């Protein structure tokens, strides 16, 4: 998002927070620092809630926890993170090439 020629980035989990920079890259670097700072003072907890009977029969709920005991889950998450990093690198290199032209 840009505003008055500045770029603004917002962390998804903290939509009330934002970081601004002169460029998209600067805004993303600043939002990364903001996320690290917010994470350092955030505690994630598990809360059990009762599910009303009408919601208990939804197809999505039936799949909840399906991977809880999957021994390949951590490998899957690592592969997903590696792939995302690869895409980010490709995107960054593509932008570098465009800026050089």
C-alpha atoms as a PDB file:
ATOM      1  CA  UNK A   1       0.000   0.000   0.000  1.00  0.00           C
ATOM      2  CA  UNK A   2       1.328   3.441  -0.769  1.00  0.00           C
ATOM      3  CA  UNK A   3       0.333   6.761   0.700  1.00  0.00           C
ATOM      4  CA  UNK A   4       1.797  10.073  -0.474  1.00  0.00           C
ATOM      5  CA  UNK A   5       4.591   8.231  -2.306  1.00  0.00           C
ATOM      6  CA  UNK A   6       5.501   6.268   0.838  1.00  0.00           C
ATOM      7  CA  UNK A   7       4.953   2.539   1.239  1.00  0.00           C
ATOM      8  CA  UNK A   8       3.016   1.139   4.190  1.00  0.00           C
ATOM      9  CA  UNK A   9       3.127  -2.484   5.347  1.00  0.00           C
ATOM     10  CA  UNK A  10       0.826  -4.094   7.933  1.00  0.00           C
ATOM     11  CA  UNK A  11       1.388  -7.383   9.774  1.00  0.00           C
ATOM     12  CA  UNK A  12      -1.600  -9.671   9.237  1.00  0.00           C
ATOM     13  CA  UNK A  13      -1.830 -10.780  12.872  1.00  0.00           C
ATOM     14  CA  UNK A  14      -1.623  -7.177  14.129  1.00  0.00           C
ATOM     15  CA  UNK A  15      -3.770  -5.218  11.636  1.00  0.00           C
ATOM     16  CA  UNK A  16      -3.817  -2.147  13.881  1.00  0.00           C
ATOM     17  CA  UNK A  17      -0.043  -1.862  13.486  1.00  0.00           C
ATOM     18  CA  UNK A  18       1.793  -0.530  10.447  1.00  0.00           C
ATOM     19  CA  UNK A  19       5.260   0.357   9.236  1.00  0.00           C
ATOM     20  CA  UNK A  20       6.031   3.077   6.727  1.00  0.00           C
ATOM     21  CA  UNK A  21       9.036   3.563   4.494  1.00  0.00           C
ATOM     22  CA  UNK A  22      10.140   5.586   1.520  1.00  0.00           C
ATOM     23  CA  UNK A  23      10.142   2.381  -0.561  1.00  0.00           C
ATOM     24  CA  UNK A  24       8.346  -0.955  -0.413  1.00  0.00           C
ATOM     25  CA  UNK A  25      11.594  -2.636   0.638  1.00  0.00           C
ATOM     26  CA  UNK A  26      12.087  -0.185   3.498  1.00  0.00           C
ATOM     27  CA  UNK A  27       8.476  -0.604   4.670  1.00  0.00           C
ATOM     28  CA  UNK A  28       8.845  -4.397   4.611  1.00  0.00           C
ATOM     29  CA  UNK A  29      12.112  -4.225   6.567  1.00  0.00           C
ATOM     30  CA  UNK A  30      10.429  -1.995   9.127  1.00  0.00           C
ATOM     31  CA  UNK A  31       7.353  -4.208   9.410  1.00  0.00           C
ATOM     32  CA  UNK A  32       9.695  -7.171   9.936  1.00  0.00           C
ATOM     33  CA  UNK A  33      11.311  -5.331  12.850  1.00  0.00           C
ATOM     34  CA  UNK A  34       7.849  -4.450  14.155  1.00  0.00           C
ATOM     35  CA  UNK A  35       6.741  -8.091  14.000  1.00  0.00           C
ATOM     36  CA  UNK A  36       9.883  -9.190  15.861  1.00  0.00           C
ATOM     37  CA  UNK A  37       9.248  -6.576  18.529  1.00  0.00           C
ATOM     38  CA  UNK A  38       5.547  -7.464  18.855  1.00  0.00           C
ATOM     39  CA  UNK A  39       6.384 -11.179  18.977  1.00  0.00           C
ATOM     40  CA  UNK A  40       8.855 -10.618  21.804  1.00  0.00           C
ATOM     41  CA  UNK A  41       6.045  -9.360  24.037  1.00  0.00           C
ATOM     42  CA  UNK A  42       3.295 -11.680  22.833  1.00  0.00           C
ATOM     43  CA  UNK A  43       2.256 -14.943  24.423  1.00  0.00           C
ATOM     44  CA  UNK A  44       0.368 -17.511  22.372  1.00  0.00           C
ATOM     45  CA  UNK A  45      -2.013 -19.616  24.431  1.00  0.00           C
ATOM     46  CA  UNK A  46      -4.502 -22.358  23.726  1.00  0.00           C
ATOM     47  CA  UNK A  47      -8.078 -21.728  24.784  1.00  0.00           C
ATOM     48  CA  UNK A  48     -10.652 -24.500  24.886  1.00  0.00           C
ATOM     49  CA  UNK A  49     -14.181 -23.454  23.895  1.00  0.00           C
ATOM     50  CA  UNK A  50     -17.438 -25.332  23.715  1.00  0.00           C
ATOM     51  CA  UNK A  51     -18.729 -25.720  20.171  1.00  0.00           C
ATOM     52  CA  UNK A  52     -22.495 -25.352  19.720  1.00  0.00           C
ATOM     53  CA  UNK A  53     -24.134 -28.474  18.314  1.00  0.00           C
ATOM     54  CA  UNK A  54     -25.029 -26.770  15.014  1.00  0.00           C
ATOM     55  CA  UNK A  55     -21.357 -25.915  14.421  1.00  0.00           C
ATOM     56  CA  UNK A  56     -20.052 -29.294  15.575  1.00  0.00           C
ATOM     57  CA  UNK A  57     -21.354 -30.939  12.414  1.00  0.00           C
ATOM     58  CA  UNK A  58     -19.472 -28.745   9.936  1.00  0.00           C
ATOM     59  CA  UNK A  59     -17.171 -30.530   7.463  1.00  0.00           C
ATOM     60  CA  UNK A  60     -14.257 -28.230   8.367  1.00  0.00           C
ATOM     61  CA  UNK A  61     -14.383 -29.214  12.019  1.00  0.00           C
ATOM     62  CA  UNK A  62     -14.180 -32.883  11.082  1.00  0.00           C
ATOM     63  CA  UNK A  63     -10.726 -32.213   9.566  1.00  0.00           C
ATOM     64  CA  UNK A  64      -9.385 -30.251  12.551  1.00  0.00           C
ATOM     65  CA  UNK A  65      -6.266 -31.890  13.961  1.00  0.00           C
ATOM     66  CA  UNK A  66      -5.947 -34.387  11.114  1.00  0.00           C
ATOM     67  CA  UNK A  67      -2.172 -33.802  10.986  1.00  0.00           C
ATOM     68  CA  UNK A  68      -1.629 -33.744  14.774  1.00  0.00           C
ATOM     69  CA  UNK A  69       0.295 -37.032  14.817  1.00  0.00           C
ATOM     70  CA  UNK A  70       1.687 -36.967  11.278  1.00  0.00           C
ATOM     71  CA  UNK A  71       5.424 -37.773  11.489  1.00  0.00           C
ATOM     72  CA  UNK A  72       6.057 -35.944   8.190  1.00  0.00           C
ATOM     73  CA  UNK A  73       4.406 -32.669   9.265  1.00  0.00           C
ATOM     74  CA  UNK A  74       7.646 -30.953  10.324  1.00  0.00           C
ATOM     75  CA  UNK A  75       9.273 -31.971   7.031  1.00  0.00           C
ATOM     76  CA  UNK A  76       6.276 -30.554   5.155  1.00  0.00           C
ATOM     77  CA  UNK A  77       6.530 -27.246   7.040  1.00  0.00           C
ATOM     78  CA  UNK A  78      10.270 -27.049   6.313  1.00  0.00           C
ATOM     79  CA  UNK A  79       9.695 -27.708   2.607  1.00  0.00           C
ATOM     80  CA  UNK A  80       6.963 -25.064   2.546  1.00  0.00           C
ATOM     81  CA  UNK A  81       9.268 -22.494   4.218  1.00  0.00           C
ATOM     82  CA  UNK A  82      12.126 -23.366   1.839  1.00  0.00           C
ATOM     83  CA  UNK A  83       9.832 -22.955  -1.167  1.00  0.00           C
ATOM     84  CA  UNK A  84       8.566 -19.588   0.085  1.00  0.00           C
ATOM     85  CA  UNK A  85      12.160 -18.399   0.611  1.00  0.00           C
ATOM     86  CA  UNK A  86      12.984 -19.537  -2.929  1.00  0.00           C
ATOM     87  CA  UNK A  87      10.045 -17.556  -4.313  1.00  0.00           C
ATOM     88  CA  UNK A  88      11.069 -14.508  -2.254  1.00  0.00           C
ATOM     89  CA  UNK A  89      14.639 -14.780  -3.573  1.00  0.00           C
ATOM     90  CA  UNK A  90      13.418 -15.104  -7.155  1.00  0.00           C
ATOM     91  CA  UNK A  91      11.158 -12.099  -6.681  1.00  0.00           C
ATOM     92  CA  UNK A  92      13.961 -10.024  -5.130  1.00  0.00           C
ATOM     93  CA  UNK A  93      16.395 -10.933  -7.919  1.00  0.00           C
ATOM     94  CA  UNK A  94      13.753 -10.134 -10.519  1.00  0.00           C
ATOM     95  CA  UNK A  95      13.217  -6.702  -8.975  1.00  0.00           C
ATOM     96  CA  UNK A  96      16.987  -6.146  -8.858  1.00  0.00           C
ATOM     97  CA  UNK A  97      17.202  -6.916 -12.583  1.00  0.00           C
ATOM     98  CA  UNK A  98      14.306  -4.558 -13.333  1.00  0.00           C
ATOM     99  CA  UNK A  99      15.888  -1.762 -11.301  1.00  0.00           C
ATOM    100  CA  UNK A 100      19.177  -2.221 -13.161  1.00  0.00           C
ATOM    101  CA  UNK A 101      17.490  -1.758 -16.545  1.00  0.00           C
END
